[in-house]
PDB file of N, CA and C in Angstrom:
ATOM      1  N   MET A   1       0.803  -0.883   0.045  1.00  0.00           N
ATOM      2  CA  MET A   1      -0.224  -0.122  -0.246  1.00  0.00           C
ATOM      3  C   MET A   1       0.602   1.348  -0.134  1.00  0.00           C
ATOM      4  N   LYS A   2       0.465   1.990  -0.897  1.00  0.00           N
ATOM      5  CA  LYS A   2       1.059   3.349  -1.047  1.00  0.00           C
ATOM      6  C   LYS A   2      -0.058   4.824  -0.866  1.00  0.00           C
ATOM      7  N   TYR A   3       0.457   5.659   0.076  1.00  0.00           N
ATOM      8  CA  TYR A   3      -0.515   7.137  -0.070  1.00  0.00           C
ATOM      9  C   TYR A   3       0.347   7.876  -0.826  1.00  0.00           C
ATOM     10  N   ILE A   4      -0.499   8.855  -1.377  1.00  0.00           N
ATOM     11  CA  ILE A   4       0.371   9.789  -1.482  1.00  0.00           C
ATOM     12  C   ILE A   4      -0.476  11.382  -1.031  1.00  0.00           C
ATOM     13  N   ILE A   5      -0.033  11.769   0.263  1.00  0.00           N
ATOM     14  CA  ILE A   5      -1.040  12.886   0.635  1.00  0.00           C
ATOM     15  C   ILE A   5      -0.761  14.360  -0.122  1.00  0.00           C
ATOM     16  N   ARG A   6      -1.593  14.892  -0.638  1.00  0.00           N
ATOM     17  CA  ARG A   6      -1.076  15.964  -1.533  1.00  0.00           C
ATOM     18  C   ARG A   6      -1.705  17.072  -0.499  1.00  0.00           C
ATOM     19  N   SER A   7      -1.218  18.342  -0.581  1.00  0.00           N
ATOM     20  CA  SER A   7      -1.137  19.775  -0.043  1.00  0.00           C
ATOM     21  C   SER A   7      -1.923  20.736  -0.269  1.00  0.00           C
ATOM     22  N   THR A   8      -2.363  20.188  -1.671  1.00  0.00           N
ATOM     23  CA  THR A   8      -3.515  20.812  -2.624  1.00  0.00           C
ATOM     24  C   THR A   8      -4.512  20.536  -3.086  1.00  0.00           C
ATOM     25  N   ASP A   9      -5.406  21.329  -3.191  1.00  0.00           N
ATOM     26  CA  ASP A   9      -6.791  20.301  -4.314  1.00  0.00           C
ATOM     27  C   ASP A   9      -7.345  21.933  -5.338  1.00  0.00           C
ATOM     28  N   HIS A  10      -6.919  21.239  -6.287  1.00  0.00           N
ATOM     29  CA  HIS A  10      -7.551  22.433  -7.449  1.00  0.00           C
ATOM     30  C   HIS A  10      -6.835  23.914  -7.467  1.00  0.00           C
ATOM     31  N   GLY A  11      -5.635  23.482  -6.649  1.00  0.00           N
ATOM     32  CA  GLY A  11      -4.716  24.686  -6.875  1.00  0.00           C
ATOM     33  C   GLY A  11      -4.889  25.778  -5.749  1.00  0.00           C
ATOM     34  N   LYS A  12      -5.522  24.918  -4.337  1.00  0.00           N
ATOM     35  CA  LYS A  12      -6.068  25.630  -3.385  1.00  0.00           C
ATOM     36  C   LYS A  12      -5.191  24.865  -2.367  1.00  0.00           C
ATOM     37  N   ARG A  13      -4.717  25.683  -1.222  1.00  0.00           N
ATOM     38  CA  ARG A  13      -3.874  24.850  -0.091  1.00  0.00           C
ATOM     39  C   ARG A  13      -5.272  24.042   0.660  1.00  0.00           C
ATOM     40  N   ILE A  14      -4.678  22.691   1.112  1.00  0.00           N
ATOM     41  CA  ILE A  14      -5.432  22.038   1.960  1.00  0.00           C
ATOM     42  C   ILE A  14      -4.813  22.115   3.720  1.00  0.00           C
ATOM     43  N   SER A  15      -6.342  22.435   4.639  1.00  0.00           N
ATOM     44  CA  SER A  15      -5.718  22.934   5.684  1.00  0.00           C
ATOM     45  C   SER A  15      -4.807  21.670   6.264  1.00  0.00           C
ATOM     46  N   LYS A  16      -4.083  22.110   7.308  1.00  0.00           N
ATOM     47  CA  LYS A  16      -3.020  21.204   8.159  1.00  0.00           C
ATOM     48  C   LYS A  16      -3.961  20.395   9.223  1.00  0.00           C
ATOM     49  N   GLU A  17      -5.132  20.593   9.416  1.00  0.00           N
ATOM     50  CA  GLU A  17      -6.207  19.885   9.977  1.00  0.00           C
ATOM     51  C   GLU A  17      -6.805  18.359   8.955  1.00  0.00           C
ATOM     52  N   VAL A  18      -6.720  18.766   7.666  1.00  0.00           N
ATOM     53  CA  VAL A  18      -7.885  17.557   6.740  1.00  0.00           C
ATOM     54  C   VAL A  18      -6.596  16.688   6.364  1.00  0.00           C
ATOM     55  N   ILE A  19      -5.474  17.383   6.656  1.00  0.00           N
ATOM     56  CA  ILE A  19      -4.076  16.467   5.913  1.00  0.00           C
ATOM     57  C   ILE A  19      -4.007  15.730   7.033  1.00  0.00           C
ATOM     58  N   ASP A  20      -3.665  16.507   8.108  1.00  0.00           N
ATOM     59  CA  ASP A  20      -3.496  15.382   9.697  1.00  0.00           C
ATOM     60  C   ASP A  20      -4.558  14.133   9.710  1.00  0.00           C
ATOM     61  N   GLU A  21      -6.047  14.349   9.484  1.00  0.00           N
ATOM     62  CA  GLU A  21      -6.761  13.423   9.447  1.00  0.00           C
ATOM     63  C   GLU A  21      -6.205  12.423   8.124  1.00  0.00           C
ATOM     64  N   LYS A  22      -5.856  12.641   6.632  1.00  0.00           N
ATOM     65  CA  LYS A  22      -5.727  11.843   6.040  1.00  0.00           C
ATOM     66  C   LYS A  22      -4.290  10.745   6.355  1.00  0.00           C
ATOM     67  N   ILE A  23      -3.323  11.607   7.016  1.00  0.00           N
ATOM     68  CA  ILE A  23      -2.205  10.880   7.341  1.00  0.00           C
ATOM     69  C   ILE A  23      -2.415   9.653   8.526  1.00  0.00           C
ATOM     70  N   ASN A  24      -3.385  10.150   9.593  1.00  0.00           N
ATOM     71  CA  ASN A  24      -3.693   9.557  10.759  1.00  0.00           C
ATOM     72  C   ASN A  24      -4.667   7.798   9.924  1.00  0.00           C
ATOM     73  N   MET A  25      -5.318   8.365   8.867  1.00  0.00           N
ATOM     74  CA  MET A  25      -6.254   7.425   8.446  1.00  0.00           C
ATOM     75  C   MET A  25      -5.237   6.238   7.614  1.00  0.00           C
ATOM     76  N   ALA A  26      -4.250   6.927   6.848  1.00  0.00           N
ATOM     77  CA  ALA A  26      -3.554   6.109   6.268  1.00  0.00           C
ATOM     78  C   ALA A  26      -2.377   4.888   7.075  1.00  0.00           C
ATOM     79  N   LYS A  27      -1.851   5.941   8.253  1.00  0.00           N
ATOM     80  CA  LYS A  27      -1.056   5.062   8.874  1.00  0.00           C
ATOM     81  C   LYS A  27      -1.946   4.404   9.743  1.00  0.00           C
ATOM     82  N   GLY A  28      -3.262   4.131  10.040  1.00  0.00           N
ATOM     83  CA  GLY A  28      -4.126   3.522  10.999  1.00  0.00           C
ATOM     84  C   GLY A  28      -4.227   2.114  10.058  1.00  0.00           C
ATOM     85  N   GLN A  29      -4.419   2.168   8.881  1.00  0.00           N
ATOM     86  CA  GLN A  29      -5.333   1.491   7.955  1.00  0.00           C
ATOM     87  C   GLN A  29      -3.809   0.433   7.894  1.00  0.00           C
ATOM     88  N   ILE A  30      -2.487   0.739   7.313  1.00  0.00           N
ATOM     89  CA  ILE A  30      -1.308   0.146   7.496  1.00  0.00           C
ATOM     90  C   ILE A  30      -1.236  -0.929   8.818  1.00  0.00           C
ATOM     91  N   LEU A  31      -1.549   0.037   9.909  1.00  0.00           N
ATOM     92  CA  LEU A  31      -1.292  -0.798  11.468  1.00  0.00           C
ATOM     93  C   LEU A  31      -2.246  -1.934  11.312  1.00  0.00           C
ATOM     94  N   ASP A  32      -3.406  -1.236  10.996  1.00  0.00           N
ATOM     95  CA  ASP A  32      -4.455  -2.653  10.993  1.00  0.00           C
ATOM     96  C   ASP A  32      -4.311  -3.579  10.269  1.00  0.00           C
ATOM     97  N   PHE A  33      -3.307  -3.633   9.161  1.00  0.00           N
ATOM     98  CA  PHE A  33      -2.862  -5.006   8.999  1.00  0.00           C
ATOM     99  C   PHE A  33      -1.841  -5.566   9.269  1.00  0.00           C
ATOM    100  N   GLY A  34      -1.183  -5.020  10.749  1.00  0.00           N
ATOM    101  CA  GLY A  34       0.027  -6.041  11.130  1.00  0.00           C
ATOM    102  C   GLY A  34       1.238  -5.464  10.441  1.00  0.00           C
ATOM    103  N   LEU A  35       1.160  -4.160   9.959  1.00  0.00           N
ATOM    104  CA  LEU A  35       2.509  -3.839   8.989  1.00  0.00           C
ATOM    105  C   LEU A  35       3.028  -2.808   9.677  1.00  0.00           C
ATOM    106  N   GLN A  36       4.376  -2.571   9.110  1.00  0.00           N
ATOM    107  CA  GLN A  36       4.829  -1.534   9.700  1.00  0.00           C
ATOM    108  C   GLN A  36       4.849  -0.288   8.458  1.00  0.00           C
ATOM    109  N   TYR A  37       4.895   1.315   8.850  1.00  0.00           N
ATOM    110  CA  TYR A  37       5.374   1.743   7.125  1.00  0.00           C
ATOM    111  C   TYR A  37       6.394   2.920   7.611  1.00  0.00           C
ATOM    112  N   VAL A  38       6.710   3.765   6.763  1.00  0.00           N
ATOM    113  CA  VAL A  38       7.549   4.679   5.916  1.00  0.00           C
ATOM    114  C   VAL A  38       6.806   5.927   6.040  1.00  0.00           C
ATOM    115  N   GLU A  39       7.096   6.965   6.479  1.00  0.00           N
ATOM    116  CA  GLU A  39       6.500   8.303   5.989  1.00  0.00           C
ATOM    117  C   GLU A  39       7.447   9.229   5.809  1.00  0.00           C
ATOM    118  N   TYR A  40       7.266   9.662   4.361  1.00  0.00           N
ATOM    119  CA  TYR A  40       8.339  11.131   4.203  1.00  0.00           C
ATOM    120  C   TYR A  40       7.780  11.980   3.033  1.00  0.00           C
ATOM    121  N   GLN A  41       8.112  13.135   2.985  1.00  0.00           N
ATOM    122  CA  GLN A  41       7.767  14.598   2.060  1.00  0.00           C
ATOM    123  C   GLN A  41       8.772  14.141   1.030  1.00  0.00           C
ATOM    124  N   ALA A  42       7.867  14.582  -0.343  1.00  0.00           N
ATOM    125  CA  ALA A  42       8.731  14.451  -1.890  1.00  0.00           C
ATOM    126  C   ALA A  42       7.940  15.724  -2.007  1.00  0.00           C
ATOM    127  N   VAL A  43       8.223  15.401  -3.629  1.00  0.00           N
ATOM    128  CA  VAL A  43       7.612  16.830  -4.453  1.00  0.00           C
ATOM    129  C   VAL A  43       6.869  16.027  -5.220  1.00  0.00           C
ATOM    130  N   LEU A  44       5.633  16.216  -5.747  1.00  0.00           N
ATOM    131  CA  LEU A  44       5.270  15.896  -6.704  1.00  0.00           C
ATOM    132  C   LEU A  44       5.013  16.815  -7.744  1.00  0.00           C
ATOM    133  N   GLY A  45       5.702  16.575  -9.268  1.00  0.00           N
ATOM    134  CA  GLY A  45       5.825  17.727 -10.428  1.00  0.00           C
ATOM    135  C   GLY A  45       5.058  16.900 -11.342  1.00  0.00           C
ATOM    136  N   SER A  46       4.090  17.929 -12.070  1.00  0.00           N
ATOM    137  CA  SER A  46       3.479  17.907 -13.171  1.00  0.00           C
ATOM    138  C   SER A  46       3.501  19.109 -13.894  1.00  0.00           C
ATOM    139  N   LEU A  47       2.806  19.199 -15.065  1.00  0.00           N
ATOM    140  CA  LEU A  47       2.675  20.399 -15.792  1.00  0.00           C
ATOM    141  C   LEU A  47       0.874  20.813 -16.060  1.00  0.00           C
ATOM    142  N   ASP A  48       1.047  22.064 -15.902  1.00  0.00           N
ATOM    143  CA  ASP A  48      -0.072  22.839 -16.037  1.00  0.00           C
ATOM    144  C   ASP A  48      -0.807  22.764 -17.305  1.00  0.00           C
ATOM    145  N   PRO A  49      -1.888  23.053 -17.769  1.00  0.00           N
ATOM    146  CA  PRO A  49      -2.854  23.072 -19.197  1.00  0.00           C
ATOM    147  C   PRO A  49      -1.697  24.232 -20.048  1.00  0.00           C
ATOM    148  N   MET A  50      -0.732  25.029 -19.431  1.00  0.00           N
ATOM    149  CA  MET A  50      -0.431  25.702 -20.616  1.00  0.00           C
ATOM    150  C   MET A  50       1.227  25.462 -20.742  1.00  0.00           C
ATOM    151  N   GLY A  51       1.576  24.429 -20.193  1.00  0.00           N
ATOM    152  CA  GLY A  51       2.924  23.455 -20.330  1.00  0.00           C
ATOM    153  C   GLY A  51       4.056  23.835 -19.258  1.00  0.00           C
ATOM    154  N   ASN A  52       2.930  24.964 -18.062  1.00  0.00           N
ATOM    155  CA  ASN A  52       3.974  25.121 -16.904  1.00  0.00           C
ATOM    156  C   ASN A  52       4.182  24.087 -16.011  1.00  0.00           C
ATOM    157  N   ARG A  53       5.560  24.085 -15.640  1.00  0.00           N
ATOM    158  CA  ARG A  53       6.053  22.875 -14.450  1.00  0.00           C
ATOM    159  C   ARG A  53       5.151  23.660 -12.787  1.00  0.00           C
ATOM    160  N   ILE A  54       4.869  22.757 -12.409  1.00  0.00           N
ATOM    161  CA  ILE A  54       3.931  22.985 -11.205  1.00  0.00           C
ATOM    162  C   ILE A  54       4.859  21.969 -10.465  1.00  0.00           C
ATOM    163  N   GLU A  55       4.910  22.400  -9.242  1.00  0.00           N
ATOM    164  CA  GLU A  55       5.588  21.106  -7.941  1.00  0.00           C
ATOM    165  C   GLU A  55       4.384  21.640  -6.686  1.00  0.00           C
ATOM    166  N   GLU A  56       4.399  20.460  -5.857  1.00  0.00           N
ATOM    167  CA  GLU A  56       3.703  20.268  -4.829  1.00  0.00           C
ATOM    168  C   GLU A  56       4.307  19.612  -3.579  1.00  0.00           C
ATOM    169  N   GLN A  57       4.182  19.999  -2.331  1.00  0.00           N
ATOM    170  CA  GLN A  57       5.130  19.225  -1.604  1.00  0.00           C
ATOM    171  C   GLN A  57       3.674  18.140  -1.176  1.00  0.00           C
ATOM    172  N   VAL A  58       3.934  16.780  -1.196  1.00  0.00           N
ATOM    173  CA  VAL A  58       3.381  15.605  -0.574  1.00  0.00           C
ATOM    174  C   VAL A  58       4.144  14.899   0.678  1.00  0.00           C
ATOM    175  N   ILE A  59       3.091  14.267   1.345  1.00  0.00           N
ATOM    176  CA  ILE A  59       3.563  13.165   2.280  1.00  0.00           C
ATOM    177  C   ILE A  59       3.428  11.887   1.612  1.00  0.00           C
ATOM    178  N   VAL A  60       4.251  11.478   1.875  1.00  0.00           N
ATOM    179  CA  VAL A  60       4.035   9.806   1.457  1.00  0.00           C
ATOM    180  C   VAL A  60       3.740   8.718   2.379  1.00  0.00           C
ATOM    181  N   ILE A  61       3.273   7.741   2.740  1.00  0.00           N
ATOM    182  CA  ILE A  61       3.087   6.866   3.685  1.00  0.00           C
ATOM    183  C   ILE A  61       2.923   5.250   2.790  1.00  0.00           C
ATOM    184  N   GLU A  62       3.748   4.616   2.981  1.00  0.00           N
ATOM    185  CA  GLU A  62       3.751   3.171   2.531  1.00  0.00           C
ATOM    186  C   GLU A  62       3.668   1.892   3.662  1.00  0.00           C
ATOM    187  N   ASP A  63       3.569   0.955   3.439  1.00  0.00           N
ATOM    188  CA  ASP A  63       4.161  -0.201   4.291  1.00  0.00           C
ATOM    189  C   ASP A  63       5.271  -0.620   4.196  1.00  0.00           C
ATOM    190  N   ALA A  64       5.912  -0.740   5.281  1.00  0.00           N
ATOM    191  CA  ALA A  64       7.367  -1.532   4.740  1.00  0.00           C
ATOM    192  C   ALA A  64       7.204  -2.817   5.145  1.00  0.00           C
ATOM    193  N   GLY A  65       6.362  -4.145   4.211  1.00  0.00           N
ATOM    194  CA  GLY A  65       6.142  -5.103   4.623  1.00  0.00           C
ATOM    195  C   GLY A  65       7.068  -5.896   3.059  1.00  0.00           C
ATOM    196  N   GLY A  66       7.880  -6.812   4.259  1.00  0.00           N
ATOM    197  CA  GLY A  66       8.568  -7.681   3.047  1.00  0.00           C
ATOM    198  C   GLY A  66      10.215  -6.323   2.816  1.00  0.00           C
ATOM    199  N   ASP A  67      10.423  -5.393   3.842  1.00  0.00           N
ATOM    200  CA  ASP A  67      11.547  -4.986   3.324  1.00  0.00           C
ATOM    201  C   ASP A  67      12.615  -5.526   4.403  1.00  0.00           C
ATOM    202  N   SER A  68      13.988  -5.233   3.886  1.00  0.00           N
ATOM    203  CA  SER A  68      15.156  -5.493   4.827  1.00  0.00           C
ATOM    204  C   SER A  68      15.775  -4.409   5.563  1.00  0.00           C
ATOM    205  N   PHE A  69      15.687  -4.581   7.081  1.00  0.00           N
ATOM    206  CA  PHE A  69      16.139  -3.252   7.877  1.00  0.00           C
ATOM    207  C   PHE A  69      17.704  -3.647   8.035  1.00  0.00           C
ATOM    208  N   VAL A  70      18.509  -2.989   7.529  1.00  0.00           N
ATOM    209  CA  VAL A  70      20.220  -3.257   8.059  1.00  0.00           C
ATOM    210  C   VAL A  70      20.789  -1.916   8.962  1.00  0.00           C
TER     211      VAL A  70
END
């Protein structure tokens, strides 16, 4: 499972409370399966209709099942 939690919706910033709810939901679902998770911040890039590059901060939460830890 991998969750990419966006910080904007149609160009408008999402409130921290809504983002926190989504983060807690994603973590809860992974933990309910008895798995561990990895959480990190990344940049999601794309092009707008005019061809301009746009970037947005996202939080990625994914299960760590089957990974090797060293």
